[in-house]
N, C-alpha and C. Protein backbone atom coordinates (compact mmCIF):
# COMPACT_ATOMS: atom_id res chain seq x y z
N MET A 1 3.82 -18.93 -11.75
CA MET A 1 3.84 -17.57 -11.15
C MET A 1 3.19 -16.50 -12.09
N ALA A 2 2.44 -15.57 -11.51
CA ALA A 2 1.77 -14.54 -12.28
C ALA A 2 2.16 -13.19 -11.78
N THR A 3 3.61 -12.88 -12.11
CA THR A 3 4.06 -11.60 -11.72
C THR A 3 3.71 -10.71 -12.75
N LYS A 4 3.20 -9.50 -12.39
CA LYS A 4 2.68 -8.46 -13.34
C LYS A 4 3.56 -7.26 -13.25
N GLU A 5 3.52 -6.31 -14.39
CA GLU A 5 4.23 -5.08 -14.33
C GLU A 5 3.57 -4.30 -13.38
N ILE A 6 4.44 -3.49 -12.54
CA ILE A 6 3.95 -2.59 -11.61
C ILE A 6 3.82 -1.08 -12.43
N LEU A 7 2.65 -0.37 -12.37
CA LEU A 7 2.48 0.74 -12.94
C LEU A 7 3.30 1.81 -12.07
N GLN A 8 3.72 2.91 -12.82
CA GLN A 8 4.63 3.83 -12.31
C GLN A 8 4.02 4.96 -12.22
N LEU A 9 4.43 6.04 -11.35
CA LEU A 9 4.01 7.48 -11.14
C LEU A 9 3.78 7.97 -12.41
N GLY A 10 2.61 8.58 -12.87
CA GLY A 10 2.33 9.30 -14.05
C GLY A 10 1.25 8.43 -14.74
N ASN A 11 1.15 7.18 -14.46
CA ASN A 11 0.13 6.23 -15.21
C ASN A 11 -1.31 6.80 -14.50
N PRO A 12 -2.25 7.05 -15.62
CA PRO A 12 -3.49 7.62 -15.03
C PRO A 12 -4.35 6.49 -14.25
N VAL A 13 -4.02 5.27 -14.38
CA VAL A 13 -4.67 4.27 -13.75
C VAL A 13 -4.60 4.34 -12.16
N LEU A 14 -3.51 4.84 -11.74
CA LEU A 14 -2.98 5.01 -10.31
C LEU A 14 -3.90 6.17 -9.70
N ARG A 15 -4.39 7.02 -10.48
CA ARG A 15 -5.17 8.20 -9.99
C ARG A 15 -6.72 7.91 -10.05
N SER A 16 -7.08 6.74 -10.60
CA SER A 16 -8.56 6.42 -10.62
C SER A 16 -9.03 5.81 -9.27
N THR A 17 -10.48 6.11 -9.08
CA THR A 17 -10.96 5.49 -8.09
C THR A 17 -11.51 4.11 -8.50
N CYS A 18 -11.22 3.04 -7.86
CA CYS A 18 -11.46 1.69 -8.19
C CYS A 18 -12.88 1.48 -8.03
N SER A 19 -13.47 0.43 -8.93
CA SER A 19 -14.77 0.04 -8.89
C SER A 19 -14.74 -1.06 -7.69
N PRO A 20 -16.04 -1.45 -7.02
CA PRO A 20 -16.11 -2.47 -6.10
C PRO A 20 -16.24 -3.62 -6.91
N VAL A 21 -15.64 -4.67 -6.08
CA VAL A 21 -15.90 -6.07 -6.54
C VAL A 21 -17.45 -6.65 -6.34
N LYS A 22 -18.03 -7.11 -7.25
CA LYS A 22 -19.32 -7.48 -7.14
C LYS A 22 -19.39 -8.99 -7.12
N ALA A 23 -20.32 -9.57 -6.44
CA ALA A 23 -20.34 -10.99 -6.51
C ALA A 23 -20.25 -11.89 -7.61
N VAL A 24 -20.76 -11.13 -8.86
CA VAL A 24 -20.44 -11.98 -10.09
C VAL A 24 -19.07 -11.99 -10.72
N GLU A 25 -18.36 -11.29 -9.93
CA GLU A 25 -16.87 -11.27 -10.39
C GLU A 25 -16.02 -12.01 -9.50
N ARG A 26 -16.54 -12.94 -8.74
CA ARG A 26 -15.81 -13.74 -7.80
C ARG A 26 -14.85 -14.75 -8.46
N ASN A 27 -15.37 -15.09 -9.76
CA ASN A 27 -14.43 -16.15 -10.44
C ASN A 27 -13.18 -15.54 -10.85
N ILE A 28 -13.19 -14.29 -11.07
CA ILE A 28 -11.77 -13.78 -11.49
C ILE A 28 -11.10 -13.23 -10.28
N LEU A 29 -11.65 -13.17 -9.17
CA LEU A 29 -11.04 -12.71 -7.86
C LEU A 29 -9.88 -13.38 -7.40
N GLU A 30 -9.94 -14.85 -7.42
CA GLU A 30 -8.72 -15.56 -7.03
C GLU A 30 -7.70 -15.29 -7.81
N ALA A 31 -7.53 -15.23 -9.17
CA ALA A 31 -6.55 -15.03 -10.01
C ALA A 31 -6.04 -13.55 -9.84
N LEU A 32 -6.76 -12.61 -9.68
CA LEU A 32 -6.24 -11.13 -9.18
C LEU A 32 -5.61 -11.36 -8.04
N VAL A 33 -6.08 -12.00 -6.85
CA VAL A 33 -5.22 -12.00 -5.81
C VAL A 33 -4.02 -12.74 -5.84
N GLU A 34 -4.15 -13.81 -6.47
CA GLU A 34 -2.74 -14.65 -6.95
C GLU A 34 -1.79 -13.68 -7.54
N ASP A 35 -2.30 -12.76 -8.67
CA ASP A 35 -1.43 -11.95 -9.37
C ASP A 35 -0.90 -10.90 -8.52
N LEU A 36 -1.48 -10.34 -7.44
CA LEU A 36 -1.03 -9.39 -6.36
C LEU A 36 -0.09 -9.92 -5.59
N ARG A 37 -0.49 -11.15 -5.16
CA ARG A 37 0.57 -11.81 -4.13
C ARG A 37 1.86 -12.31 -4.81
N ASP A 38 1.74 -12.58 -6.03
CA ASP A 38 3.15 -13.18 -6.73
C ASP A 38 3.89 -11.68 -7.21
N THR A 39 3.38 -10.83 -7.47
CA THR A 39 3.97 -9.58 -7.69
C THR A 39 4.53 -8.82 -6.69
N LEU A 40 3.81 -8.92 -5.51
CA LEU A 40 4.59 -8.40 -4.10
C LEU A 40 5.67 -9.25 -3.93
N TYR A 41 5.44 -10.45 -3.87
CA TYR A 41 6.84 -11.28 -3.41
C TYR A 41 7.94 -11.18 -4.42
N ASP A 42 7.72 -10.94 -5.63
CA ASP A 42 8.82 -10.86 -6.71
C ASP A 42 9.47 -9.49 -6.41
N PHE A 43 8.67 -8.71 -6.17
CA PHE A 43 9.35 -7.13 -5.88
C PHE A 43 10.16 -7.31 -4.55
N ARG A 44 9.42 -7.94 -3.63
CA ARG A 44 10.35 -8.05 -2.25
C ARG A 44 11.66 -8.69 -2.36
N THR A 45 11.71 -9.86 -3.29
CA THR A 45 12.73 -10.54 -3.46
C THR A 45 13.81 -9.62 -4.29
N ARG A 46 13.42 -8.90 -5.18
CA ARG A 46 14.25 -8.14 -5.94
C ARG A 46 14.74 -7.02 -5.26
N ASN A 47 13.85 -6.28 -4.44
CA ASN A 47 14.24 -4.88 -3.75
C ASN A 47 14.43 -4.88 -2.38
N GLY A 48 14.26 -6.05 -1.73
CA GLY A 48 14.58 -6.20 -0.18
C GLY A 48 13.54 -5.44 0.57
N PHE A 49 12.44 -4.93 0.12
CA PHE A 49 11.33 -4.44 0.88
C PHE A 49 9.85 -4.65 0.21
N GLY A 50 8.91 -4.36 0.76
CA GLY A 50 7.52 -4.45 0.28
C GLY A 50 6.59 -5.41 1.18
N ARG A 51 5.45 -4.65 1.54
CA ARG A 51 4.63 -5.26 2.43
C ARG A 51 3.07 -5.35 1.90
N GLY A 52 2.81 -4.57 0.86
CA GLY A 52 1.51 -4.58 0.46
C GLY A 52 1.38 -3.98 -0.96
N ILE A 53 0.29 -4.26 -1.77
CA ILE A 53 0.02 -3.81 -3.14
C ILE A 53 -1.34 -3.88 -3.39
N SER A 54 -1.77 -2.98 -4.30
CA SER A 54 -3.16 -2.81 -4.52
C SER A 54 -3.38 -3.25 -6.13
N ALA A 55 -4.54 -3.65 -6.30
CA ALA A 55 -5.05 -3.83 -7.83
C ALA A 55 -4.70 -2.60 -8.87
N PRO A 56 -4.91 -1.47 -8.63
CA PRO A 56 -4.69 -0.54 -9.64
C PRO A 56 -3.06 -0.47 -9.95
N GLN A 57 -2.20 -0.90 -8.97
CA GLN A 57 -0.82 -0.88 -9.29
C GLN A 57 -0.15 -2.06 -10.32
N ILE A 58 -1.33 -2.89 -10.63
CA ILE A 58 -0.99 -3.86 -11.83
C ILE A 58 -1.98 -3.73 -12.82
N GLY A 59 -2.61 -2.44 -12.84
CA GLY A 59 -3.59 -2.13 -13.83
C GLY A 59 -4.81 -2.66 -13.91
N GLU A 60 -5.29 -3.19 -12.67
CA GLU A 60 -6.60 -3.56 -12.41
C GLU A 60 -7.39 -2.42 -11.63
N SER A 61 -8.45 -1.98 -12.19
CA SER A 61 -9.21 -0.85 -11.32
C SER A 61 -10.25 -1.33 -10.48
N LYS A 62 -9.87 -2.22 -9.66
CA LYS A 62 -10.61 -2.96 -8.87
C LYS A 62 -10.28 -2.82 -7.24
N ARG A 63 -11.30 -2.67 -6.37
CA ARG A 63 -11.09 -2.54 -4.87
C ARG A 63 -10.68 -3.73 -4.18
N VAL A 64 -9.32 -4.10 -4.36
CA VAL A 64 -8.65 -5.33 -3.98
C VAL A 64 -7.21 -5.00 -3.68
N ILE A 65 -6.81 -5.33 -2.29
CA ILE A 65 -5.53 -5.10 -1.92
C ILE A 65 -4.92 -6.48 -1.41
N PHE A 66 -3.71 -6.59 -1.36
CA PHE A 66 -2.93 -7.76 -0.81
C PHE A 66 -1.80 -7.23 0.30
N VAL A 67 -1.98 -7.48 1.40
CA VAL A 67 -0.66 -7.21 2.32
C VAL A 67 -0.20 -8.54 2.82
N ASP A 68 1.09 -8.36 3.35
CA ASP A 68 1.62 -9.37 3.80
C ASP A 68 2.67 -8.57 5.04
N ALA A 69 2.37 -8.40 6.10
CA ALA A 69 3.12 -7.85 7.24
C ALA A 69 3.20 -9.09 8.26
N GLY A 70 3.64 -10.22 7.77
CA GLY A 70 3.81 -11.46 8.57
C GLY A 70 2.76 -12.42 8.61
N GLU A 71 1.89 -12.08 7.88
CA GLU A 71 0.74 -13.15 7.32
C GLU A 71 0.02 -12.59 6.17
N PRO A 72 -0.17 -13.49 5.07
CA PRO A 72 -0.73 -12.97 3.89
C PRO A 72 -2.23 -12.75 4.10
N LEU A 73 -2.75 -11.51 3.52
CA LEU A 73 -4.05 -11.30 3.91
C LEU A 73 -4.50 -10.28 2.67
N PRO A 74 -5.63 -10.98 1.73
CA PRO A 74 -6.29 -10.32 0.72
C PRO A 74 -7.53 -9.54 1.29
N LEU A 75 -7.69 -8.51 1.00
CA LEU A 75 -8.88 -7.50 1.48
C LEU A 75 -9.69 -7.01 0.12
N ILE A 76 -10.99 -7.52 -0.04
CA ILE A 76 -11.77 -7.13 -0.98
C ILE A 76 -12.72 -6.01 -0.61
N ASN A 77 -12.73 -4.97 -1.40
CA ASN A 77 -13.65 -3.68 -1.04
C ASN A 77 -13.56 -3.22 0.52
N PRO A 78 -12.13 -3.19 0.83
CA PRO A 78 -11.96 -2.52 2.16
C PRO A 78 -12.35 -0.92 2.28
N VAL A 79 -12.85 -0.80 3.38
CA VAL A 79 -13.24 0.68 3.87
C VAL A 79 -12.79 0.88 5.11
N ILE A 80 -12.08 2.16 5.39
CA ILE A 80 -11.69 2.62 6.73
C ILE A 80 -13.05 3.24 7.29
N ILE A 81 -13.31 2.48 8.55
CA ILE A 81 -14.57 2.93 9.32
C ILE A 81 -14.34 3.62 10.43
N LYS A 82 -13.08 3.46 11.01
CA LYS A 82 -12.68 4.26 12.30
C LYS A 82 -11.18 4.72 12.15
N ARG A 83 -10.83 5.81 12.63
CA ARG A 83 -9.55 6.27 12.58
C ARG A 83 -9.20 6.78 14.17
N SER A 84 -8.13 6.45 14.64
CA SER A 84 -7.64 7.19 15.87
C SER A 84 -7.28 8.67 15.96
N ARG A 85 -7.62 9.39 16.85
CA ARG A 85 -7.14 10.71 16.64
C ARG A 85 -5.50 10.93 16.57
N LYS A 86 -4.94 10.03 17.45
CA LYS A 86 -3.55 10.13 17.37
C LYS A 86 -2.90 9.56 16.00
N GLN A 87 -1.97 10.54 15.71
CA GLN A 87 -1.36 10.13 14.40
C GLN A 87 0.24 10.20 14.49
N VAL A 88 0.80 9.60 13.57
CA VAL A 88 2.36 9.39 13.58
C VAL A 88 2.92 9.85 12.27
N MET A 89 4.07 10.21 12.33
CA MET A 89 4.89 10.59 11.18
C MET A 89 5.70 9.53 10.75
N LEU A 90 5.86 9.39 9.40
CA LEU A 90 6.69 8.27 8.94
C LEU A 90 7.19 8.64 7.54
N TRP A 91 8.19 8.01 7.08
CA TRP A 91 8.71 7.84 5.77
C TRP A 91 8.03 6.72 5.11
N ASP A 92 7.28 7.19 3.98
CA ASP A 92 6.38 6.08 3.16
C ASP A 92 7.09 5.88 1.92
N ASP A 93 6.97 4.65 1.48
CA ASP A 93 7.51 4.46 0.08
C ASP A 93 6.47 3.54 -0.64
N CYS A 94 6.62 3.46 -2.08
CA CYS A 94 5.54 2.83 -2.88
C CYS A 94 6.35 2.10 -3.98
N PHE A 95 5.70 1.01 -4.38
CA PHE A 95 6.20 0.16 -5.49
C PHE A 95 6.24 1.12 -6.87
N SER A 96 5.24 2.06 -6.80
CA SER A 96 4.93 2.85 -8.01
C SER A 96 5.96 3.94 -8.19
N PHE A 97 6.61 4.33 -7.19
CA PHE A 97 7.83 5.20 -7.33
C PHE A 97 8.71 4.87 -6.08
N PRO A 98 9.50 3.68 -6.56
CA PRO A 98 10.22 3.08 -5.48
C PRO A 98 11.63 3.77 -5.09
N ASP A 99 11.98 4.72 -5.90
CA ASP A 99 13.33 5.49 -5.34
C ASP A 99 12.96 6.62 -4.58
N LEU A 100 11.55 7.12 -4.49
CA LEU A 100 11.18 8.13 -3.45
C LEU A 100 10.74 7.67 -2.14
N LEU A 101 11.04 8.51 -1.13
CA LEU A 101 10.36 8.40 0.16
C LEU A 101 9.62 9.61 0.36
N VAL A 102 8.41 9.63 0.96
CA VAL A 102 7.74 10.74 1.18
C VAL A 102 7.26 10.64 2.77
N LYS A 103 7.54 11.85 3.52
CA LYS A 103 7.08 11.82 4.79
C LYS A 103 5.56 12.15 4.89
N VAL A 104 4.96 11.40 5.65
CA VAL A 104 3.48 11.44 5.72
C VAL A 104 2.98 11.40 7.06
N LYS A 105 1.72 11.87 7.54
CA LYS A 105 0.96 11.57 8.74
C LYS A 105 -0.03 10.55 8.41
N ARG A 106 0.03 9.55 9.31
CA ARG A 106 -1.07 8.35 9.19
C ARG A 106 -1.57 8.34 10.61
N ASN A 107 -2.89 7.84 10.78
CA ASN A 107 -3.46 7.58 11.97
C ASN A 107 -2.67 6.19 12.69
N LEU A 108 -2.64 6.26 13.80
CA LEU A 108 -1.92 5.16 14.70
C LEU A 108 -2.68 4.03 14.59
N ALA A 109 -4.01 4.00 14.61
CA ALA A 109 -4.93 2.87 14.68
C ALA A 109 -6.15 3.08 13.68
N ILE A 110 -6.72 2.09 13.21
CA ILE A 110 -7.68 2.14 12.30
C ILE A 110 -8.49 1.10 12.47
N GLU A 111 -9.78 1.02 11.95
CA GLU A 111 -10.61 -0.17 11.88
C GLU A 111 -11.14 -0.21 10.49
N VAL A 112 -11.05 -1.46 9.88
CA VAL A 112 -11.34 -1.63 8.33
C VAL A 112 -12.41 -2.78 8.21
N ARG A 113 -13.49 -2.34 7.45
CA ARG A 113 -14.41 -3.51 6.94
C ARG A 113 -14.07 -3.92 5.63
N TYR A 114 -13.95 -5.11 5.43
CA TYR A 114 -13.81 -5.71 4.24
C TYR A 114 -14.38 -7.19 3.95
N GLN A 115 -14.28 -7.69 2.86
CA GLN A 115 -14.69 -8.96 2.44
C GLN A 115 -13.50 -10.07 2.14
N ASP A 116 -13.66 -11.28 2.55
CA ASP A 116 -12.65 -12.09 2.54
C ASP A 116 -12.90 -12.63 1.01
N LEU A 117 -11.99 -13.77 0.48
CA LEU A 117 -12.14 -14.26 -0.80
C LEU A 117 -13.56 -14.96 -0.98
N SER A 118 -14.18 -15.52 -0.02
CA SER A 118 -15.40 -16.13 -0.04
C SER A 118 -16.59 -15.11 0.00
N GLY A 119 -16.36 -13.77 0.13
CA GLY A 119 -17.52 -12.79 0.11
C GLY A 119 -17.95 -12.63 1.48
N ARG A 120 -17.37 -13.04 2.54
CA ARG A 120 -17.93 -13.06 3.93
C ARG A 120 -17.32 -11.65 4.33
N LYS A 121 -18.26 -10.99 5.13
CA LYS A 121 -17.91 -9.59 5.41
C LYS A 121 -16.94 -9.85 6.86
N ARG A 122 -15.89 -9.04 6.95
CA ARG A 122 -14.99 -9.16 7.89
C ARG A 122 -14.65 -7.79 8.30
N HIS A 123 -13.85 -7.75 9.60
CA HIS A 123 -13.78 -6.44 10.45
C HIS A 123 -12.28 -6.57 10.98
N LEU A 124 -11.32 -5.74 10.77
CA LEU A 124 -9.88 -5.75 11.16
C LEU A 124 -9.57 -4.43 11.85
N ALA A 125 -9.21 -4.63 13.27
CA ALA A 125 -8.55 -3.31 13.95
C ALA A 125 -7.21 -3.56 13.76
N ALA A 126 -6.31 -2.56 13.24
CA ALA A 126 -5.00 -2.48 13.16
C ALA A 126 -4.51 -1.29 13.79
N GLU A 127 -3.17 -1.58 14.24
CA GLU A 127 -2.33 -0.17 14.94
C GLU A 127 -0.97 -0.37 14.26
N GLY A 128 -0.30 0.82 14.43
CA GLY A 128 1.05 0.56 14.07
C GLY A 128 1.48 0.46 12.63
N ALA A 129 2.38 -0.42 12.49
CA ALA A 129 2.76 -0.80 10.97
C ALA A 129 1.66 -1.09 10.18
N LEU A 130 0.74 -1.88 10.64
CA LEU A 130 -0.27 -2.52 9.84
C LEU A 130 -1.24 -1.43 9.57
N SER A 131 -1.56 -0.52 10.69
CA SER A 131 -2.40 0.49 10.29
C SER A 131 -1.80 1.22 9.18
N GLU A 132 -0.63 1.72 9.23
CA GLU A 132 -0.09 2.65 8.01
C GLU A 132 -0.14 1.86 6.79
N LEU A 133 0.13 0.55 6.77
CA LEU A 133 0.16 -0.14 5.61
C LEU A 133 -1.14 -0.24 4.95
N LEU A 134 -2.18 -0.39 5.75
CA LEU A 134 -3.54 -0.75 5.26
C LEU A 134 -4.04 0.86 4.80
N GLN A 135 -3.58 1.99 5.51
CA GLN A 135 -3.98 3.20 4.98
C GLN A 135 -3.31 3.42 3.64
N HIS A 136 -2.21 3.14 3.48
CA HIS A 136 -1.44 3.27 2.16
C HIS A 136 -2.16 2.74 0.97
N GLU A 137 -2.45 1.31 1.20
CA GLU A 137 -3.10 0.68 0.21
C GLU A 137 -4.53 1.16 -0.17
N ILE A 138 -5.27 1.30 0.89
CA ILE A 138 -6.58 1.75 0.75
C ILE A 138 -6.53 3.13 -0.06
N ASP A 139 -5.60 3.91 0.31
CA ASP A 139 -5.48 5.17 -0.51
C ASP A 139 -5.24 4.81 -1.90
N HIS A 140 -4.48 3.93 -2.35
CA HIS A 140 -4.32 3.63 -3.78
C HIS A 140 -5.67 3.28 -4.56
N ILE A 141 -6.47 2.51 -3.72
CA ILE A 141 -7.78 2.09 -4.48
C ILE A 141 -8.74 3.24 -4.55
N ASN A 142 -8.42 4.40 -3.75
CA ASN A 142 -9.23 5.64 -3.93
C ASN A 142 -8.42 6.61 -4.87
N GLY A 143 -7.60 6.18 -5.57
CA GLY A 143 -6.75 7.16 -6.49
C GLY A 143 -5.84 8.18 -5.65
N ILE A 144 -5.40 7.89 -4.61
CA ILE A 144 -4.66 8.87 -3.76
C ILE A 144 -3.25 8.11 -3.71
N LEU A 145 -2.07 8.92 -3.94
CA LEU A 145 -0.81 8.27 -3.69
C LEU A 145 -0.01 9.12 -2.53
N ALA A 146 0.95 8.36 -1.87
CA ALA A 146 1.62 8.93 -0.77
C ALA A 146 2.10 10.28 -0.90
N ILE A 147 2.54 10.64 -2.28
CA ILE A 147 2.97 12.06 -2.54
C ILE A 147 1.94 13.03 -2.28
N ASP A 148 0.70 12.62 -2.27
CA ASP A 148 -0.46 13.67 -2.22
C ASP A 148 -0.48 13.84 -0.88
N ARG A 149 0.08 12.85 0.10
CA ARG A 149 -0.01 13.26 1.63
C ARG A 149 1.08 13.65 2.25
N ALA A 150 2.25 13.92 1.39
CA ALA A 150 3.36 14.65 2.02
C ALA A 150 3.09 15.62 2.87
N ILE A 151 3.80 15.85 3.91
CA ILE A 151 3.64 16.83 5.07
C ILE A 151 4.04 18.01 4.42
N ASP A 152 4.99 18.01 3.50
CA ASP A 152 5.28 19.44 2.60
C ASP A 152 6.20 18.89 1.41
N THR A 153 6.65 19.96 0.69
CA THR A 153 7.48 19.48 -0.39
C THR A 153 8.73 19.29 -0.18
N LYS A 154 9.27 19.67 1.21
CA LYS A 154 10.65 19.36 1.55
C LYS A 154 10.95 17.90 2.04
N HIS A 155 9.70 17.28 2.23
CA HIS A 155 9.82 15.89 2.60
C HIS A 155 9.43 14.86 1.69
N ILE A 156 10.05 15.01 0.30
CA ILE A 156 9.88 14.23 -0.72
C ILE A 156 11.34 14.02 -1.15
N VAL A 157 12.02 12.84 -0.89
CA VAL A 157 13.49 12.69 -1.25
C VAL A 157 13.63 11.42 -1.84
N TYR A 158 14.82 11.34 -2.40
CA TYR A 158 15.12 10.02 -3.12
C TYR A 158 15.77 9.20 -1.91
N ARG A 159 15.35 7.96 -2.15
CA ARG A 159 15.69 6.95 -0.98
C ARG A 159 17.30 6.97 -0.80
N ARG A 160 17.91 7.04 -1.78
CA ARG A 160 19.61 6.78 -1.60
C ARG A 160 20.10 8.12 -0.91
N GLU A 161 19.52 9.23 -1.31
CA GLU A 161 19.89 10.60 -0.57
C GLU A 161 19.70 10.45 0.99
N LEU A 162 18.46 10.15 1.32
CA LEU A 162 18.02 9.95 2.76
C LEU A 162 18.91 9.12 3.44
N GLU A 163 19.17 7.63 2.87
CA GLU A 163 20.08 6.77 3.24
C GLU A 163 21.56 7.43 3.53
N LYS A 164 21.93 8.15 2.55
CA LYS A 164 23.39 8.90 2.74
C LYS A 164 23.40 9.79 3.81
N ARG A 165 22.33 10.52 3.96
CA ARG A 165 22.34 11.60 5.24
C ARG A 165 22.34 10.92 6.39
N GLU A 166 21.47 9.89 6.56
CA GLU A 166 21.30 9.08 7.72
C GLU A 166 22.66 8.24 8.27
N LYS A 167 23.31 7.94 7.15
CA LYS A 167 24.58 7.17 7.58
C LYS A 167 25.66 8.22 7.89
N ALA A 168 25.72 9.39 7.26
CA ALA A 168 26.55 10.58 7.86
C ALA A 168 26.11 10.81 9.21
N ARG A 169 24.99 10.88 9.46
CA ARG A 169 24.62 11.18 10.78
C ARG A 169 25.07 10.12 11.95
N GLU A 170 24.94 9.08 11.43
CA GLU A 170 25.11 7.85 12.41
C GLU A 170 26.88 8.08 12.62
N GLU A 171 27.61 8.21 11.68
CA GLU A 171 29.06 8.47 11.79
C GLU A 171 29.53 9.50 12.57
N VAL A 172 28.76 10.67 12.62
CA VAL A 172 28.81 11.71 13.38
C VAL A 172 28.82 11.39 14.97
N LEU A 173 27.68 10.62 15.23
CA LEU A 173 27.57 10.16 16.42
C LEU A 173 28.44 9.10 17.22
N LEU A 174 29.11 8.32 16.30
CA LEU A 174 30.09 7.51 16.63
C LEU A 174 31.29 8.23 17.18
């Protein structure tokens, strides 16, 4: 298992625009994807949540993400090529600041062009939870964090505080 340390908010690597993966780098690509996969699954096991991770989060400034929202999927050099006009608001979280939740707007549906591990060009249409996840991870490889997308500063909260408020609200409704 190749679990890597997840860089935390404040580390400058998280703010850098990542370099595209070139054909000559394919020999190291499988190891990077394995590291992303193992780190995601380790985080999920320890914390009870997590669906995706990007290369800069483990210190690699490469345009590689790994998502698992029911099926494992590595995306190399992903680019959003189409966005729906319709947006949704949701609480977003991140491995690089796991105690915070940030309310953001994301496109309901997107289309992504990427390469698979063999270098073949692929196309993926995503909506709902997968669309939101891909937007979050692609933001990472562009040096953008969820806190940069907060709808306003009032919508950045500690996870435990929001959970406490929601629990109190549920008790009032009972």
